[in-house]
Amino acid sequence: MGVFVYLPLLLPLTALPIARLAEQHLHPRSAARLLTSIAVILASCSTLCLGLLVVVGTAQLPGNPLPDGWSDDEVREAVPHDKLAGKTSIVALALVAMACASTVQRHYRFRARAHRALAELPTKSEVAVLPDSVPYAYALPGSPGRIMVTSAMLACLTTAEQGALLAHERAHLAGRHHRLLLAAQLAGCANPLLRPLRAAIAYSTERWADEEAAIDTGDRRLTARAVGKAALISHRAAAPAVAAFAAAGPVPRRVAALLGPVPPERGWPPALTSTGIATFFAAAGTAVSTLSSLNAAFALFVVLEAATPL
């Protein structure tokens, strides 16, 4: 295996060039799904790499439960600097596990609190209007999903703009964007090099919901105006803990995109363009990372099987 076993830890860098180009040139739906898939695959490869390093690097430690043959020279030679790599990987893998567990816990704890608050409301409709002086709105996933919006937010928007806001939040629920965002967060926990993709995925999901809202209302300018107003209202309210209607992503870029032409539905960019080239390199990096992880796992399995006494 040699130094190639470390490649999955660094190859997430190959996905970064596509993030900005994808969110600028691809349809937001395609960009969100593509970037999330890349993040999940690279994070899985990175975690597998840490697991392999832990096995090889700790097999020679006294008192470990692994077979004695796994500490042979042939096994240790499979990974350069095996002792340092193994001990470091234990700490890294523990931090990854704790970060992922904390992220999932916060996600479901927030959902549970929100659903408990909804249970106290007299109405059980899709749109839950909260009597709050802080203007915000967000989509709450669940069975069924609900739209949380405060009376202060509705009071600041016209009837048509309220329709655009609700269409935007329905698009979040219909597209199950919370799953994409949670996957991006977990990928960033697994490998910090993937964290820039999280911002790109968040922006793409917001743009995806913007486009769906524009189709629903039939008026792109109206949707752009609703996005801008909701952003200004939410920022003035200073409620960063709430996933507001227009909080995610650079709002001026979202408004400019809505005032421009409808993004193409093409699922893959033309090959001879900057976006196509970046997509190719990102796909190549993802493929190399995956193959490197699988090759390292298979090679280690062969080495450990040969060193394991019958």
C-alpha atoms as a PDB file:
ATOM      1  CA  MET A   1       0.000   0.000   0.000  1.00  0.00           C
ATOM      2  CA  GLY A   2       2.709   2.496   0.968  1.00  0.00           C
ATOM      3  CA  VAL A   3       1.887   6.183   0.963  1.00  0.00           C
ATOM      4  CA  PHE A   4      -1.183   5.518  -1.202  1.00  0.00           C
ATOM      5  CA  VAL A   5      -3.097   4.526   1.918  1.00  0.00           C
ATOM      6  CA  TYR A   6      -3.057   8.204   2.931  1.00  0.00           C
ATOM      7  CA  LEU A   7      -4.587   9.440  -0.332  1.00  0.00           C
ATOM      8  CA  PRO A   8      -8.254   9.286   0.791  1.00  0.00           C
ATOM      9  CA  LEU A   9      -7.428  11.772   3.562  1.00  0.00           C
ATOM     10  CA  LEU A  10      -6.213  14.387   1.070  1.00  0.00           C
ATOM     11  CA  LEU A  11      -8.195  13.714  -2.093  1.00  0.00           C
ATOM     12  CA  PRO A  12     -11.254  15.707  -0.864  1.00  0.00           C
ATOM     13  CA  LEU A  13      -9.254  18.723  -2.049  1.00  0.00           C
ATOM     14  CA  THR A  14     -10.020  17.622  -5.623  1.00  0.00           C
ATOM     15  CA  ALA A  15     -13.731  18.261  -5.055  1.00  0.00           C
ATOM     16  CA  LEU A  16     -13.330  21.875  -3.961  1.00  0.00           C
ATOM     17  CA  PRO A  17     -12.885  23.465  -7.435  1.00  0.00           C
ATOM     18  CA  ILE A  18     -16.226  22.115  -8.581  1.00  0.00           C
ATOM     19  CA  ALA A  19     -18.179  23.564  -5.664  1.00  0.00           C
ATOM     20  CA  ARG A  20     -18.225  27.182  -6.825  1.00  0.00           C
ATOM     21  CA  LEU A  21     -18.576  26.284 -10.508  1.00  0.00           C
ATOM     22  CA  ALA A  22     -21.406  23.834  -9.828  1.00  0.00           C
ATOM     23  CA  GLU A  23     -23.431  26.329  -7.818  1.00  0.00           C
ATOM     24  CA  GLN A  24     -22.934  28.947 -10.536  1.00  0.00           C
ATOM     25  CA  HIS A  25     -23.503  26.929 -13.692  1.00  0.00           C
ATOM     26  CA  LEU A  26     -25.502  23.793 -12.883  1.00  0.00           C
ATOM     27  CA  HIS A  27     -29.183  23.674 -12.091  1.00  0.00           C
ATOM     28  CA  PRO A  28     -29.422  23.975  -8.285  1.00  0.00           C
ATOM     29  CA  ARG A  29     -31.083  20.575  -8.018  1.00  0.00           C
ATOM     30  CA  SER A  30     -28.244  18.891  -9.923  1.00  0.00           C
ATOM     31  CA  ALA A  31     -25.602  20.844  -8.016  1.00  0.00           C
ATOM     32  CA  ALA A  32     -27.021  19.913  -4.601  1.00  0.00           C
ATOM     33  CA  ARG A  33     -27.284  16.229  -5.419  1.00  0.00           C
ATOM     34  CA  LEU A  34     -23.875  16.047  -7.119  1.00  0.00           C
ATOM     35  CA  LEU A  35     -22.008  17.838  -4.342  1.00  0.00           C
ATOM     36  CA  THR A  36     -23.748  15.819  -1.633  1.00  0.00           C
ATOM     37  CA  SER A  37     -22.875  12.546  -3.373  1.00  0.00           C
ATOM     38  CA  ILE A  38     -19.238  13.595  -3.711  1.00  0.00           C
ATOM     39  CA  ALA A  39     -19.083  14.669  -0.057  1.00  0.00           C
ATOM     40  CA  VAL A  40     -20.580  11.399   1.214  1.00  0.00           C
ATOM     41  CA  ILE A  41     -18.315   9.197  -0.931  1.00  0.00           C
ATOM     42  CA  LEU A  42     -15.131  11.074  -0.009  1.00  0.00           C
ATOM     43  CA  ALA A  43     -16.072  11.156   3.676  1.00  0.00           C
ATOM     44  CA  SER A  44     -16.708   7.402   3.653  1.00  0.00           C
ATOM     45  CA  CYS A  45     -13.336   6.764   2.017  1.00  0.00           C
ATOM     46  CA  SER A  46     -11.600   9.031   4.513  1.00  0.00           C
ATOM     47  CA  THR A  47     -13.205   7.229   7.462  1.00  0.00           C
ATOM     48  CA  LEU A  48     -12.271   3.823   6.024  1.00  0.00           C
ATOM     49  CA  CYS A  49      -8.701   5.053   5.654  1.00  0.00           C
ATOM     50  CA  LEU A  50      -8.589   6.043   9.331  1.00  0.00           C
ATOM     51  CA  GLY A  51      -9.946   2.634  10.299  1.00  0.00           C
ATOM     52  CA  LEU A  52      -7.207   0.875   8.318  1.00  0.00           C
ATOM     53  CA  LEU A  53      -4.535   3.035   9.914  1.00  0.00           C
ATOM     54  CA  VAL A  54      -5.890   2.237  13.369  1.00  0.00           C
ATOM     55  CA  VAL A  55      -5.721  -1.516  12.691  1.00  0.00           C
ATOM     56  CA  VAL A  56      -2.195  -1.451  11.330  1.00  0.00           C
ATOM     57  CA  GLY A  57      -0.825   1.129  13.731  1.00  0.00           C
ATOM     58  CA  THR A  58      -2.110  -0.459  16.928  1.00  0.00           C
ATOM     59  CA  ALA A  59      -1.577  -4.150  16.214  1.00  0.00           C
ATOM     60  CA  GLN A  60       1.864  -4.074  17.856  1.00  0.00           C
ATOM     61  CA  LEU A  61       0.741  -2.329  21.044  1.00  0.00           C
ATOM     62  CA  PRO A  62       0.852  -4.567  24.141  1.00  0.00           C
ATOM     63  CA  GLY A  63      -2.480  -5.748  25.449  1.00  0.00           C
ATOM     64  CA  ASN A  64      -4.395  -5.208  22.192  1.00  0.00           C
ATOM     65  CA  PRO A  65      -7.039  -7.823  21.343  1.00  0.00           C
ATOM     66  CA  LEU A  66      -5.793  -8.312  17.783  1.00  0.00           C
ATOM     67  CA  PRO A  67      -4.038 -11.519  16.652  1.00  0.00           C
ATOM     68  CA  ASP A  68      -0.303 -11.578  17.328  1.00  0.00           C
ATOM     69  CA  GLY A  69       0.473 -12.104  13.659  1.00  0.00           C
ATOM     70  CA  TRP A  70      -0.946  -8.664  12.843  1.00  0.00           C
ATOM     71  CA  SER A  71       2.074  -7.051  14.503  1.00  0.00           C
ATOM     72  CA  ASP A  72       4.566  -8.764  12.181  1.00  0.00           C
ATOM     73  CA  ASP A  73       7.029  -6.685  10.186  1.00  0.00           C
ATOM     74  CA  GLU A  74       5.218  -7.496   6.934  1.00  0.00           C
ATOM     75  CA  VAL A  75       2.051  -5.897   8.274  1.00  0.00           C
ATOM     76  CA  ARG A  76       3.774  -2.804   9.682  1.00  0.00           C
ATOM     77  CA  GLU A  77       5.654  -2.254   6.426  1.00  0.00           C
ATOM     78  CA  ALA A  78       2.327  -1.874   4.642  1.00  0.00           C
ATOM     79  CA  VAL A  79       1.899   1.607   6.165  1.00  0.00           C
ATOM     80  CA  PRO A  80       4.741   4.160   6.421  1.00  0.00           C
ATOM     81  CA  HIS A  81       5.283   5.449   9.982  1.00  0.00           C
ATOM     82  CA  ASP A  82       2.744   2.932  11.216  1.00  0.00           C
ATOM     83  CA  LYS A  83       3.148   3.659  14.944  1.00  0.00           C
ATOM     84  CA  LEU A  84       2.631   7.408  14.651  1.00  0.00           C
ATOM     85  CA  ALA A  85      -0.123   6.988  12.062  1.00  0.00           C
ATOM     86  CA  GLY A  86      -1.943   4.403  14.167  1.00  0.00           C
ATOM     87  CA  LYS A  87      -1.917   6.413  17.382  1.00  0.00           C
ATOM     88  CA  THR A  88      -2.908   9.609  15.579  1.00  0.00           C
ATOM     89  CA  SER A  89      -5.700   7.803  13.766  1.00  0.00           C
ATOM     90  CA  ILE A  90      -7.179   6.560  17.041  1.00  0.00           C
ATOM     91  CA  VAL A  91      -7.575  10.139  18.226  1.00  0.00           C
ATOM     92  CA  ALA A  92      -8.853  11.298  14.820  1.00  0.00           C
ATOM     93  CA  LEU A  93     -11.382   8.472  14.544  1.00  0.00           C
ATOM     94  CA  ALA A  94     -12.637   9.154  18.079  1.00  0.00           C
ATOM     95  CA  LEU A  95     -13.066  12.851  17.255  1.00  0.00           C
ATOM     96  CA  VAL A  96     -14.930  11.956  14.059  1.00  0.00           C
ATOM     97  CA  ALA A  97     -17.289   9.662  15.968  1.00  0.00           C
ATOM     98  CA  MET A  98     -17.970  12.274  18.659  1.00  0.00           C
ATOM     99  CA  ALA A  99     -18.501  15.069  16.135  1.00  0.00           C
ATOM    100  CA  CYS A 100     -20.929  12.980  14.066  1.00  0.00           C
ATOM    101  CA  ALA A 101     -22.848  11.854  17.157  1.00  0.00           C
ATOM    102  CA  SER A 102     -23.091  15.443  18.415  1.00  0.00           C
ATOM    103  CA  THR A 103     -24.314  16.677  15.022  1.00  0.00           C
ATOM    104  CA  VAL A 104     -27.033  14.024  14.777  1.00  0.00           C
ATOM    105  CA  GLN A 105     -28.077  14.638  18.379  1.00  0.00           C
ATOM    106  CA  ARG A 106     -28.419  18.394  17.852  1.00  0.00           C
ATOM    107  CA  HIS A 107     -30.384  17.825  14.647  1.00  0.00           C
ATOM    108  CA  TYR A 108     -32.968  15.520  16.192  1.00  0.00           C
ATOM    109  CA  ARG A 109     -33.093  17.430  19.487  1.00  0.00           C
ATOM    110  CA  PHE A 110     -34.077  20.597  17.597  1.00  0.00           C
ATOM    111  CA  ARG A 111     -36.702  18.685  15.631  1.00  0.00           C
ATOM    112  CA  ALA A 112     -38.137  17.189  18.830  1.00  0.00           C
ATOM    113  CA  ARG A 113     -38.369  20.593  20.530  1.00  0.00           C
ATOM    114  CA  ALA A 114     -40.055  22.110  17.489  1.00  0.00           C
ATOM    115  CA  HIS A 115     -42.606  19.301  17.235  1.00  0.00           C
ATOM    116  CA  ARG A 116     -43.377  19.624  20.949  1.00  0.00           C
ATOM    117  CA  ALA A 117     -44.009  23.329  20.429  1.00  0.00           C
ATOM    118  CA  LEU A 118     -46.309  22.527  17.498  1.00  0.00           C
ATOM    119  CA  ALA A 119     -48.299  20.080  19.621  1.00  0.00           C
ATOM    120  CA  GLU A 120     -49.379  22.986  21.829  1.00  0.00           C
ATOM    121  CA  LEU A 121     -50.919  24.889  18.914  1.00  0.00           C
ATOM    122  CA  PRO A 122     -54.670  24.538  18.408  1.00  0.00           C
ATOM    123  CA  THR A 123     -54.433  23.949  14.625  1.00  0.00           C
ATOM    124  CA  LYS A 124     -52.695  21.005  12.916  1.00  0.00           C
ATOM    125  CA  SER A 125     -52.464  22.433   9.411  1.00  0.00           C
ATOM    126  CA  GLU A 126     -49.378  22.300   7.194  1.00  0.00           C
ATOM    127  CA  VAL A 127     -48.530  25.927   8.008  1.00  0.00           C
ATOM    128  CA  ALA A 128     -48.044  26.678  11.694  1.00  0.00           C
ATOM    129  CA  VAL A 129     -48.232  30.400  12.482  1.00  0.00           C
ATOM    130  CA  LEU A 130     -46.336  31.131  15.681  1.00  0.00           C
ATOM    131  CA  PRO A 131     -47.250  34.232  17.723  1.00  0.00           C
ATOM    132  CA  ASP A 132     -43.712  35.591  17.856  1.00  0.00           C
ATOM    133  CA  SER A 133     -42.387  39.126  17.433  1.00  0.00           C
ATOM    134  CA  VAL A 134     -39.202  37.761  15.789  1.00  0.00           C
ATOM    135  CA  PRO A 135     -39.688  37.327  12.023  1.00  0.00           C
ATOM    136  CA  TYR A 136     -38.517  33.947  10.719  1.00  0.00           C
ATOM    137  CA  ALA A 137     -39.753  30.933   8.797  1.00  0.00           C
ATOM    138  CA  TYR A 138     -38.380  27.472   8.177  1.00  0.00           C
ATOM    139  CA  ALA A 139     -39.380  24.009   7.045  1.00  0.00           C
ATOM    140  CA  LEU A 140     -39.600  21.410   9.801  1.00  0.00           C
ATOM    141  CA  PRO A 141     -39.168  17.835   8.495  1.00  0.00           C
ATOM    142  CA  GLY A 142     -41.220  15.054   9.972  1.00  0.00           C
ATOM    143  CA  SER A 143     -44.240  12.865   9.332  1.00  0.00           C
ATOM    144  CA  PRO A 144     -45.787  15.007   8.089  1.00  0.00           C
ATOM    145  CA  GLY A 145     -43.491  17.980   7.575  1.00  0.00           C
ATOM    146  CA  ARG A 146     -44.652  21.375   8.747  1.00  0.00           C
ATOM    147  CA  ILE A 147     -43.870  24.976   7.851  1.00  0.00           C
ATOM    148  CA  MET A 148     -43.048  27.197  10.821  1.00  0.00           C
ATOM    149  CA  VAL A 149     -43.636  30.906  10.268  1.00  0.00           C
ATOM    150  CA  THR A 150     -44.093  33.698  12.763  1.00  0.00           C
ATOM    151  CA  SER A 151     -46.826  36.300  12.684  1.00  0.00           C
ATOM    152  CA  ALA A 152     -44.108  38.977  12.549  1.00  0.00           C
ATOM    153  CA  MET A 153     -42.757  37.526   9.296  1.00  0.00           C
ATOM    154  CA  LEU A 154     -46.194  37.363   7.689  1.00  0.00           C
ATOM    155  CA  ALA A 155     -46.954  40.943   8.757  1.00  0.00           C
ATOM    156  CA  CYS A 156     -43.878  42.199   6.885  1.00  0.00           C
ATOM    157  CA  LEU A 157     -44.793  40.538   3.578  1.00  0.00           C
ATOM    158  CA  THR A 158     -47.601  41.088   1.110  1.00  0.00           C
ATOM    159  CA  THR A 159     -50.058  38.310   0.356  1.00  0.00           C
ATOM    160  CA  ALA A 160     -48.212  37.423  -2.871  1.00  0.00           C
ATOM    161  CA  GLU A 161     -44.854  37.423  -1.093  1.00  0.00           C
ATOM    162  CA  GLN A 162     -46.288  35.178   1.616  1.00  0.00           C
ATOM    163  CA  GLY A 163     -47.248  32.736  -1.130  1.00  0.00           C
ATOM    164  CA  ALA A 164     -43.659  32.780  -2.425  1.00  0.00           C
ATOM    165  CA  LEU A 165     -42.330  32.196   1.094  1.00  0.00           C
ATOM    166  CA  LEU A 166     -44.603  29.205   1.669  1.00  0.00           C
ATOM    167  CA  ALA A 167     -43.790  27.778  -1.776  1.00  0.00           C
ATOM    168  CA  HIS A 168     -40.091  28.044  -0.922  1.00  0.00           C
ATOM    169  CA  GLU A 169     -40.531  26.148   2.342  1.00  0.00           C
ATOM    170  CA  ARG A 170     -42.716  23.489   0.681  1.00  0.00           C
ATOM    171  CA  ALA A 171     -39.903  22.944  -1.819  1.00  0.00           C
ATOM    172  CA  HIS A 172     -37.521  22.297   1.075  1.00  0.00           C
ATOM    173  CA  LEU A 173     -39.876  19.642   2.440  1.00  0.00           C
ATOM    174  CA  ALA A 174     -40.615  18.061  -0.943  1.00  0.00           C
ATOM    175  CA  GLY A 175     -36.932  17.886  -1.861  1.00  0.00           C
ATOM    176  CA  ARG A 176     -35.965  16.547   1.591  1.00  0.00           C
ATOM    177  CA  HIS A 177     -33.210  19.115   1.736  1.00  0.00           C
ATOM    178  CA  HIS A 178     -32.650  18.454   5.431  1.00  0.00           C
ATOM    179  CA  ARG A 179     -31.181  15.073   4.501  1.00  0.00           C
ATOM    180  CA  LEU A 180     -28.718  16.630   2.065  1.00  0.00           C
ATOM    181  CA  LEU A 181     -27.652  19.231   4.622  1.00  0.00           C
ATOM    182  CA  LEU A 182     -27.276  16.652   7.381  1.00  0.00           C
ATOM    183  CA  ALA A 183     -25.177  14.455   5.087  1.00  0.00           C
ATOM    184  CA  ALA A 184     -22.980  17.458   4.243  1.00  0.00           C
ATOM    185  CA  GLN A 185     -22.531  18.250   7.937  1.00  0.00           C
ATOM    186  CA  LEU A 186     -21.554  14.669   8.739  1.00  0.00           C
ATOM    187  CA  ALA A 187     -19.116  14.634   5.814  1.00  0.00           C
ATOM    188  CA  GLY A 188     -17.493  17.773   7.211  1.00  0.00           C
ATOM    189  CA  CYS A 189     -17.187  16.052  10.589  1.00  0.00           C
ATOM    190  CA  ALA A 190     -15.490  13.055   8.960  1.00  0.00           C
ATOM    191  CA  ASN A 191     -12.968  15.196   7.079  1.00  0.00           C
ATOM    192  CA  PRO A 192     -12.512  18.966   7.654  1.00  0.00           C
ATOM    193  CA  LEU A 193     -11.397  19.368   4.039  1.00  0.00           C
ATOM    194  CA  LEU A 194     -15.012  18.719   3.015  1.00  0.00           C
ATOM    195  CA  ARG A 195     -16.461  21.577   5.059  1.00  0.00           C
ATOM    196  CA  PRO A 196     -16.361  24.081   2.164  1.00  0.00           C
ATOM    197  CA  LEU A 197     -18.766  21.766   0.317  1.00  0.00           C
ATOM    198  CA  ARG A 198     -21.312  22.246   3.104  1.00  0.00           C
ATOM    199  CA  ALA A 199     -21.704  25.951   2.291  1.00  0.00           C
ATOM    200  CA  ALA A 200     -22.026  25.157  -1.412  1.00  0.00           C
ATOM    201  CA  ILE A 201     -24.683  22.508  -0.729  1.00  0.00           C
ATOM    202  CA  ALA A 202     -26.610  24.869   1.566  1.00  0.00           C
ATOM    203  CA  TYR A 203     -26.570  27.547  -1.128  1.00  0.00           C
ATOM    204  CA  SER A 204     -27.653  25.063  -3.808  1.00  0.00           C
ATOM    205  CA  THR A 205     -30.610  23.826  -1.737  1.00  0.00           C
ATOM    206  CA  GLU A 206     -31.740  27.424  -1.182  1.00  0.00           C
ATOM    207  CA  ARG A 207     -31.455  28.147  -4.903  1.00  0.00           C
ATOM    208  CA  TRP A 208     -33.330  24.912  -5.625  1.00  0.00           C
ATOM    209  CA  ALA A 209     -36.170  26.049  -3.357  1.00  0.00           C
ATOM    210  CA  ASP A 210     -36.054  29.513  -4.948  1.00  0.00           C
ATOM    211  CA  GLU A 211     -36.532  28.044  -8.416  1.00  0.00           C
ATOM    212  CA  GLU A 212     -39.396  25.813  -7.256  1.00  0.00           C
ATOM    213  CA  ALA A 213     -41.062  28.826  -5.635  1.00  0.00           C
ATOM    214  CA  ALA A 214     -40.657  30.821  -8.851  1.00  0.00           C
ATOM    215  CA  ILE A 215     -42.329  28.016 -10.811  1.00  0.00           C
ATOM    216  CA  ASP A 216     -45.145  27.787  -8.263  1.00  0.00           C
ATOM    217  CA  THR A 217     -45.847  31.526  -8.247  1.00  0.00           C
ATOM    218  CA  GLY A 218     -45.125  31.989 -11.945  1.00  0.00           C
ATOM    219  CA  ASP A 219     -43.251  35.209 -11.165  1.00  0.00           C
ATOM    220  CA  ARG A 220     -39.470  35.233 -10.756  1.00  0.00           C
ATOM    221  CA  ARG A 221     -39.382  38.931  -9.807  1.00  0.00           C
ATOM    222  CA  LEU A 222     -41.930  38.375  -7.071  1.00  0.00           C
ATOM    223  CA  THR A 223     -39.893  35.491  -5.675  1.00  0.00           C
ATOM    224  CA  ALA A 224     -36.701  37.578  -5.831  1.00  0.00           C
ATOM    225  CA  ARG A 225     -38.438  40.380  -3.950  1.00  0.00           C
ATOM    226  CA  ALA A 226     -39.682  37.935  -1.295  1.00  0.00           C
ATOM    227  CA  VAL A 227     -36.170  36.486  -0.880  1.00  0.00           C
ATOM    228  CA  GLY A 228     -34.650  39.943  -0.446  1.00  0.00           C
ATOM    229  CA  LYS A 229     -37.284  41.220   1.960  1.00  0.00           C
ATOM    230  CA  ALA A 230     -37.256  38.080   4.090  1.00  0.00           C
ATOM    231  CA  ALA A 231     -33.458  38.249   4.295  1.00  0.00           C
ATOM    232  CA  LEU A 232     -33.475  41.869   5.410  1.00  0.00           C
ATOM    233  CA  ILE A 233     -36.195  41.195   7.976  1.00  0.00           C
ATOM    234  CA  SER A 234     -34.481  38.101   9.343  1.00  0.00           C
ATOM    235  CA  HIS A 235     -31.089  39.802   9.621  1.00  0.00           C
ATOM    236  CA  ARG A 236     -32.616  42.779  11.359  1.00  0.00           C
ATOM    237  CA  ALA A 237     -34.260  40.389  13.802  1.00  0.00           C
ATOM    238  CA  ALA A 238     -30.823  38.921  14.633  1.00  0.00           C
ATOM    239  CA  ALA A 239     -32.029  35.343  15.081  1.00  0.00           C
ATOM    240  CA  PRO A 240     -29.031  33.319  13.802  1.00  0.00           C
ATOM    241  CA  ALA A 241     -30.144  30.126  15.571  1.00  0.00           C
ATOM    242  CA  VAL A 242     -33.191  29.833  13.350  1.00  0.00           C
ATOM    243  CA  ALA A 243     -33.050  28.567   9.772  1.00  0.00           C
ATOM    244  CA  ALA A 244     -34.795  31.554   8.274  1.00  0.00           C
ATOM    245  CA  PHE A 245     -36.375  31.723   4.829  1.00  0.00           C
ATOM    246  CA  ALA A 246     -33.512  33.551   3.149  1.00  0.00           C
ATOM    247  CA  ALA A 247     -30.711  33.098   5.664  1.00  0.00           C
ATOM    248  CA  ALA A 248     -28.645  30.453   3.850  1.00  0.00           C
ATOM    249  CA  GLY A 249     -26.399  31.473   1.010  1.00  0.00           C
ATOM    250  CA  PRO A 250     -25.355  34.909  -0.290  1.00  0.00           C
ATOM    251  CA  VAL A 251     -28.706  36.630  -0.753  1.00  0.00           C
ATOM    252  CA  PRO A 252     -27.573  39.111  -3.474  1.00  0.00           C
ATOM    253  CA  ARG A 253     -26.458  36.174  -5.632  1.00  0.00           C
ATOM    254  CA  ARG A 254     -29.773  34.412  -5.086  1.00  0.00           C
ATOM    255  CA  VAL A 255     -31.726  37.535  -6.000  1.00  0.00           C
ATOM    256  CA  ALA A 256     -29.559  38.111  -9.076  1.00  0.00           C
ATOM    257  CA  ALA A 257     -30.082  34.502 -10.164  1.00  0.00           C
ATOM    258  CA  LEU A 258     -33.858  34.853  -9.846  1.00  0.00           C
ATOM    259  CA  LEU A 259     -33.785  38.052 -11.887  1.00  0.00           C
ATOM    260  CA  GLY A 260     -31.813  36.234 -14.583  1.00  0.00           C
ATOM    261  CA  PRO A 261     -32.847  33.440 -16.939  1.00  0.00           C
ATOM    262  CA  VAL A 262     -34.105  30.062 -15.781  1.00  0.00           C
ATOM    263  CA  PRO A 263     -31.114  27.743 -15.185  1.00  0.00           C
ATOM    264  CA  PRO A 264     -30.766  24.892 -17.682  1.00  0.00           C
ATOM    265  CA  GLU A 265     -32.120  21.500 -16.726  1.00  0.00           C
ATOM    266  CA  ARG A 266     -29.101  19.701 -18.212  1.00  0.00           C
ATOM    267  CA  GLY A 267     -27.882  17.211 -15.629  1.00  0.00           C
ATOM    268  CA  TRP A 268     -24.213  17.263 -16.742  1.00  0.00           C
ATOM    269  CA  PRO A 269     -22.305  20.288 -18.090  1.00  0.00           C
ATOM    270  CA  PRO A 270     -20.726  20.222 -21.576  1.00  0.00           C
ATOM    271  CA  ALA A 271     -17.270  18.628 -21.518  1.00  0.00           C
ATOM    272  CA  LEU A 272     -15.408  21.511 -23.175  1.00  0.00           C
ATOM    273  CA  THR A 273     -16.375  24.157 -20.631  1.00  0.00           C
ATOM    274  CA  SER A 274     -14.789  25.241 -17.362  1.00  0.00           C
ATOM    275  CA  THR A 275     -17.640  23.627 -15.440  1.00  0.00           C
ATOM    276  CA  GLY A 276     -17.330  20.401 -17.402  1.00  0.00           C
ATOM    277  CA  ILE A 277     -13.572  20.245 -16.853  1.00  0.00           C
ATOM    278  CA  ALA A 278     -13.943  20.921 -13.123  1.00  0.00           C
ATOM    279  CA  THR A 279     -16.660  18.289 -12.900  1.00  0.00           C
ATOM    280  CA  PHE A 280     -14.400  15.786 -14.648  1.00  0.00           C
ATOM    281  CA  PHE A 281     -11.538  16.395 -12.212  1.00  0.00           C
ATOM    282  CA  ALA A 282     -13.885  16.204  -9.220  1.00  0.00           C
ATOM    283  CA  ALA A 283     -15.318  12.930 -10.506  1.00  0.00           C
ATOM    284  CA  ALA A 284     -11.804  11.632 -11.176  1.00  0.00           C
ATOM    285  CA  GLY A 285     -10.692  12.589  -7.671  1.00  0.00           C
ATOM    286  CA  THR A 286     -13.717  10.874  -6.178  1.00  0.00           C
ATOM    287  CA  ALA A 287     -13.067   7.742  -8.223  1.00  0.00           C
ATOM    288  CA  VAL A 288      -9.368   7.684  -7.289  1.00  0.00           C
ATOM    289  CA  SER A 289     -10.209   8.144  -3.613  1.00  0.00           C
ATOM    290  CA  THR A 290     -12.763   5.333  -3.715  1.00  0.00           C
ATOM    291  CA  LEU A 291     -10.469   2.957  -5.595  1.00  0.00           C
ATOM    292  CA  SER A 292      -7.557   3.850  -3.328  1.00  0.00           C
ATOM    293  CA  SER A 293      -9.635   3.066  -0.243  1.00  0.00           C
ATOM    294  CA  LEU A 294     -10.887  -0.212  -1.687  1.00  0.00           C
ATOM    295  CA  ASN A 295      -7.393  -1.180  -2.827  1.00  0.00           C
ATOM    296  CA  ALA A 296      -5.932  -0.370   0.597  1.00  0.00           C
ATOM    297  CA  ALA A 297      -8.675  -2.339   2.344  1.00  0.00           C
ATOM    298  CA  PHE A 298      -8.205  -5.358   0.066  1.00  0.00           C
ATOM    299  CA  ALA A 299      -4.397  -5.236   0.317  1.00  0.00           C
ATOM    300  CA  LEU A 300      -4.568  -4.979   4.095  1.00  0.00           C
ATOM    301  CA  PHE A 301      -7.018  -7.873   4.219  1.00  0.00           C
ATOM    302  CA  VAL A 302      -4.592 -10.028   2.228  1.00  0.00           C
ATOM    303  CA  VAL A 303      -1.658  -9.051   4.443  1.00  0.00           C
ATOM    304  CA  LEU A 304      -3.580  -9.663   7.662  1.00  0.00           C
ATOM    305  CA  GLU A 305      -4.970 -12.955   6.399  1.00  0.00           C
ATOM    306  CA  ALA A 306      -1.461 -14.149   5.581  1.00  0.00           C
ATOM    307  CA  ALA A 307      -0.219 -13.072   9.022  1.00  0.00           C
ATOM    308  CA  THR A 308      -3.112 -14.632  10.927  1.00  0.00           C
ATOM    309  CA  PRO A 309      -2.270 -18.052  12.395  1.00  0.00           C
ATOM    310  CA  LEU A 310      -4.579 -20.886  11.459  1.00  0.00           C
END
